Structures are given as structure tokens and as C-alpha cells.
Amino acid sequence: MGRVKSILTIAVGILFLASLIGYSGEELIPDVPKPDAGLCGVTKEAFDTVPGASALLDIEVEVTWDDKTVWIGIISVEDYNSLAKLGGSSDGEIVSCDSKIDFIAGGPTSASDSMFEWTPDGEEFHIMIGSLEEAEEEDDDDDDNPWPFNGQVSSKSFIDEFNVNVDYDVSGGWLAIVILFAIEITLVYFAVLEKS
């Protein structure tokens, strides 16, 4: 029985230290589609596999990208459903950047630093990307040719690509640390009593 307690004490001690130290990782996402000037792109499918930070788990995410002419934001499924879709491709939907969005993280304000920090809550979300470049004004000189011969085509697509880097830190939440600490102290106490 004493050997089992020793093994348990060591195992809980390792879990406690792992919860304190945590785990860090990095993921590079290459060739992310960039929407045309003056437009925004949004993922068609919602992401539902990112766990939420809680009392048991502490998660912090930092998103950075290598293109100063775009911004990235996290939006809710409700906001995605309210957007008027203007077209797109398998890469995502094209939407108007003028839509009123309550960003969960990031958004146009993150453009100057090309980064944002985010604490996931476990809810489904979509990723939205906006172009900072101004849409070119259509040349009125071509209006002499009636439709469909005027040659004016409004681009509602993705025109380029850029790279995104996601850094994350995962550690035990305050409740997990307290529970593991209490168990470890109890096991050590009984181990000392047994040897006395």
C-alpha cells in the first residue's frame, strides 16, 4: 500500500507541475486567402474544436500575420449568419466590410500591429479577414458602352494569399491547480504519517 501511495504522490506532483508550467505550441497557416480591396472574407464553416478557457484550463492564443494590408478577426456564428453574402469560393464567403460586427477578438483595430490576443470560450466561431486597401473607383469613361459590353466586372473574390502564425499557451486553470495541490499535500501528509 505504501508503494501505491508513493506512486500516486509522484504522479500527482508531476501533474501539478505540468499544470503550473503548461504547454506552448505554434502553428503556421500558409497561403491564407486575401479578399479583394474594399471587401472582407469569412470562413464558411464554423470552428468548433477549440476548447474554452475555464477554471480547469487556461488557454491564451496570439495570432500574427505577415501582410500589413489586411486584418483578421474572430466573430460569432450569429454575426456570421447576419452577414449578406456577396459570393466567394471554396475558400470562403465574400461580405461587405461595412457590416456591423461585434468582434470577439481582433478586427480592424488589430491591423496596425498585425496581431491580436484571444482567450477562447469554447463557443463556435468564424474567422473574418478584411482588406485595408481602398477599392478602385470605376472609370466613368467606359460608361459609353451599354451593358453587357461595358467591360466593368466587380471582383468579389480572393486575389492573393498571406501567412498566419498561431501561438498558444495551455496550462491548468486556478481550480485544477488548487485541487492538485490539495491532493498532493494530503498524499505527502499520509506518507509522512506512515513513516513516523
Protein backbone atom coordinates (compact mmCIF):
# COMPACT_ATOMS: atom_id res chain seq x y z
CA MET A 1 0.00 0.00 0.00
CA GLY A 2 2.90 2.34 0.79
CA ARG A 3 4.32 1.84 -2.69
CA VAL A 4 0.96 2.75 -4.28
CA LYS A 5 0.85 5.97 -2.22
CA SER A 6 4.39 6.85 -3.32
CA ILE A 7 3.49 6.32 -6.97
CA LEU A 8 0.33 8.40 -6.56
CA THR A 9 2.28 11.17 -4.82
CA ILE A 10 4.81 11.31 -7.66
CA ALA A 11 2.10 11.18 -10.35
CA VAL A 12 0.03 13.97 -8.77
CA GLY A 13 3.20 16.00 -8.23
CA ILE A 14 4.07 15.71 -11.92
CA LEU A 15 0.51 16.73 -12.91
CA PHE A 16 0.70 19.69 -10.54
CA LEU A 17 4.00 20.88 -12.02
CA ALA A 18 2.69 20.33 -15.56
CA SER A 19 -0.38 22.43 -14.73
CA LEU A 20 1.81 25.25 -13.42
CA ILE A 21 4.32 25.20 -16.28
CA GLY A 22 1.81 24.45 -19.03
CA TYR A 23 2.45 23.74 -22.69
CA SER A 24 3.25 26.14 -25.51
CA GLY A 25 2.87 25.47 -29.20
CA GLU A 26 2.94 27.17 -32.56
CA GLU A 27 1.12 26.57 -35.83
CA LEU A 28 1.90 28.18 -39.18
CA ILE A 29 -1.04 28.52 -41.55
CA PRO A 30 0.32 29.27 -45.03
CA ASP A 31 -1.49 30.63 -48.09
CA VAL A 32 -4.50 32.17 -46.33
CA PRO A 33 -6.78 33.75 -48.99
CA LYS A 34 -6.81 37.55 -49.07
CA PRO A 35 -10.02 39.31 -50.19
CA ASP A 36 -10.09 41.94 -52.91
CA ALA A 37 -9.64 45.62 -51.95
CA GLY A 38 -12.56 47.06 -50.00
CA LEU A 39 -14.07 43.64 -49.25
CA CYS A 40 -13.98 41.11 -46.43
CA GLY A 41 -13.79 37.33 -46.45
CA VAL A 42 -15.18 34.95 -43.85
CA THR A 43 -14.84 31.20 -43.37
CA LYS A 44 -17.88 29.22 -44.50
CA GLU A 45 -17.60 26.55 -41.82
CA ALA A 46 -17.61 27.36 -38.11
CA PHE A 47 -14.68 26.20 -35.97
CA ASP A 48 -15.92 24.07 -33.08
CA THR A 49 -12.84 22.15 -31.89
CA VAL A 50 -11.07 24.85 -29.86
CA PRO A 51 -11.63 24.24 -26.12
CA GLY A 52 -12.63 27.13 -23.91
CA ALA A 53 -10.60 28.60 -21.09
CA SER A 54 -12.14 27.85 -17.70
CA ALA A 55 -11.30 27.25 -14.05
CA LEU A 56 -9.82 23.89 -15.08
CA LEU A 57 -7.93 25.02 -18.19
CA ASP A 58 -6.15 28.28 -19.01
CA ILE A 59 -5.71 28.95 -22.75
CA GLU A 60 -4.15 32.01 -24.37
CA VAL A 61 -3.78 32.46 -28.12
CA GLU A 62 -1.76 35.02 -30.07
CA VAL A 63 -2.43 35.40 -33.80
CA THR A 64 0.03 37.25 -36.08
CA TRP A 65 0.26 37.62 -39.86
CA ASP A 66 2.77 38.84 -42.46
CA ASP A 67 0.62 41.19 -44.56
CA LYS A 68 0.17 44.79 -43.36
CA THR A 69 -2.72 45.38 -45.79
CA VAL A 70 -5.18 43.00 -44.03
CA TRP A 71 -6.75 42.49 -40.64
CA ILE A 72 -8.13 39.32 -39.04
CA GLY A 73 -10.96 38.95 -36.53
CA ILE A 74 -12.95 36.29 -34.70
CA ILE A 75 -16.75 36.56 -35.00
CA SER A 76 -19.66 34.58 -33.57
CA VAL A 77 -21.90 32.24 -35.55
CA GLU A 78 -24.78 34.70 -35.00
CA ASP A 79 -22.82 37.55 -36.59
CA TYR A 80 -21.81 35.28 -39.49
CA ASN A 81 -25.46 34.36 -40.13
CA SER A 82 -26.42 38.06 -40.22
CA LEU A 83 -23.91 38.91 -42.98
CA ALA A 84 -25.08 39.47 -46.54
CA LYS A 85 -23.03 37.06 -48.67
CA LEU A 86 -21.73 38.57 -51.94
CA GLY A 87 -20.20 35.47 -53.49
CA GLY A 88 -16.89 33.75 -52.92
CA SER A 89 -15.38 30.36 -53.50
CA SER A 90 -14.41 27.23 -51.64
CA ASP A 91 -12.01 29.46 -49.69
CA GLY A 92 -14.86 31.36 -48.04
CA GLU A 93 -17.63 33.90 -48.40
CA ILE A 94 -17.12 37.49 -49.57
CA VAL A 95 -19.04 40.04 -47.48
CA SER A 96 -19.20 43.80 -47.12
CA CYS A 97 -16.70 45.30 -44.68
CA ASP A 98 -19.35 47.85 -43.65
CA SER A 99 -21.33 45.23 -41.72
CA LYS A 100 -21.81 45.96 -38.03
CA ILE A 101 -19.80 43.25 -36.28
CA ASP A 102 -19.09 42.79 -32.59
CA PHE A 103 -15.68 41.12 -32.84
CA ILE A 104 -14.83 38.52 -30.22
CA ALA A 105 -11.13 39.24 -30.88
CA GLY A 106 -9.10 41.10 -33.48
CA GLY A 107 -10.88 43.02 -36.19
CA PRO A 108 -9.93 46.27 -37.99
CA THR A 109 -8.26 47.67 -34.85
CA SER A 110 -5.70 44.84 -34.97
CA ALA A 111 -4.39 45.90 -38.39
CA SER A 112 -1.71 48.33 -37.16
CA ASP A 113 0.08 45.62 -35.16
CA SER A 114 -0.84 42.70 -37.47
CA MET A 115 -1.69 40.69 -34.36
CA PHE A 116 -4.25 40.10 -31.62
CA GLU A 117 -4.55 38.06 -28.45
CA TRP A 118 -7.56 35.88 -27.70
CA THR A 119 -8.85 33.72 -24.86
CA PRO A 120 -11.23 31.10 -26.38
CA ASP A 121 -14.54 30.49 -24.60
CA GLY A 122 -15.37 27.13 -26.21
CA GLU A 123 -18.11 28.57 -28.43
CA GLU A 124 -18.18 28.05 -32.22
CA PHE A 125 -16.71 30.90 -34.25
CA HIS A 126 -15.83 32.08 -37.75
CA ILE A 127 -12.67 33.85 -38.92
CA MET A 128 -13.11 37.12 -40.80
CA ILE A 129 -10.41 38.79 -42.93
CA GLY A 130 -10.62 42.34 -44.22
CA SER A 131 -8.57 44.28 -46.75
CA LEU A 132 -7.24 47.72 -45.77
CA GLU A 133 -6.75 48.66 -49.40
CA GLU A 134 -9.31 51.02 -50.90
CA ALA A 135 -11.44 49.71 -53.75
CA GLU A 136 -10.58 51.40 -57.03
CA GLU A 137 -13.11 53.86 -58.39
CA GLU A 138 -14.74 52.72 -61.61
CA ASP A 139 -13.78 54.84 -64.61
CA ASP A 140 -16.82 56.76 -65.88
CA ASP A 141 -15.25 56.98 -69.37
CA ASP A 142 -16.30 53.41 -70.05
CA ASP A 143 -19.98 54.15 -69.41
CA ASP A 144 -20.49 54.89 -73.13
CA ASN A 145 -20.71 51.17 -73.84
CA PRO A 146 -24.07 49.77 -72.69
CA TRP A 147 -24.32 46.56 -70.70
CA PRO A 148 -23.17 43.87 -71.31
CA PHE A 149 -20.38 45.41 -73.39
CA ASN A 150 -19.03 47.93 -70.89
CA GLY A 151 -16.39 45.53 -69.55
CA GLN A 152 -16.98 46.54 -65.93
CA VAL A 153 -16.72 43.49 -63.70
CA SER A 154 -16.99 43.82 -59.94
CA SER A 155 -14.48 41.46 -58.40
CA LYS A 156 -15.97 39.61 -55.47
CA SER A 157 -13.23 37.12 -54.85
CA PHE A 158 -9.95 36.37 -53.14
CA ILE A 159 -6.99 37.85 -55.01
CA ASP A 160 -3.86 36.95 -53.05
CA GLU A 161 -2.51 34.94 -50.11
CA PHE A 162 -0.62 35.58 -46.88
CA ASN A 163 0.66 33.58 -43.91
CA VAL A 164 -0.75 33.41 -40.39
CA ASN A 165 1.07 32.26 -37.26
CA VAL A 166 -0.83 30.99 -34.20
CA ASP A 167 1.00 30.74 -30.85
CA TYR A 168 -0.82 29.17 -27.91
CA ASP A 169 -0.16 28.58 -24.22
CA VAL A 170 -2.15 25.97 -22.30
CA SER A 171 -1.88 25.46 -18.56
CA GLY A 172 -4.03 24.36 -15.64
CA GLY A 173 -6.72 26.75 -14.51
CA TRP A 174 -6.83 28.02 -10.94
CA LEU A 175 -9.29 25.32 -9.83
CA ALA A 176 -7.24 22.47 -11.32
CA ILE A 177 -4.08 23.80 -9.62
CA VAL A 178 -5.84 24.13 -6.24
CA ILE A 179 -7.29 20.60 -6.47
CA LEU A 180 -3.97 19.02 -7.47
CA PHE A 181 -2.13 20.94 -4.76
CA ALA A 182 -4.64 19.80 -2.12
CA ILE A 183 -4.35 16.16 -3.25
CA GLU A 184 -0.53 16.36 -3.26
CA ILE A 185 -0.40 17.84 0.26
CA THR A 186 -2.79 15.15 1.53
CA LEU A 187 -0.75 12.34 -0.03
CA VAL A 188 2.52 13.73 1.36
CA TYR A 189 0.92 14.12 4.81
CA PHE A 190 -0.23 10.49 4.89
CA ALA A 191 3.15 9.31 3.58
CA VAL A 192 4.94 11.15 6.39
CA LEU A 193 2.48 9.76 8.98
CA GLU A 194 3.08 6.24 7.72
CA LYS A 195 6.85 6.60 8.11
CA SER A 196 6.59 8.09 11.60
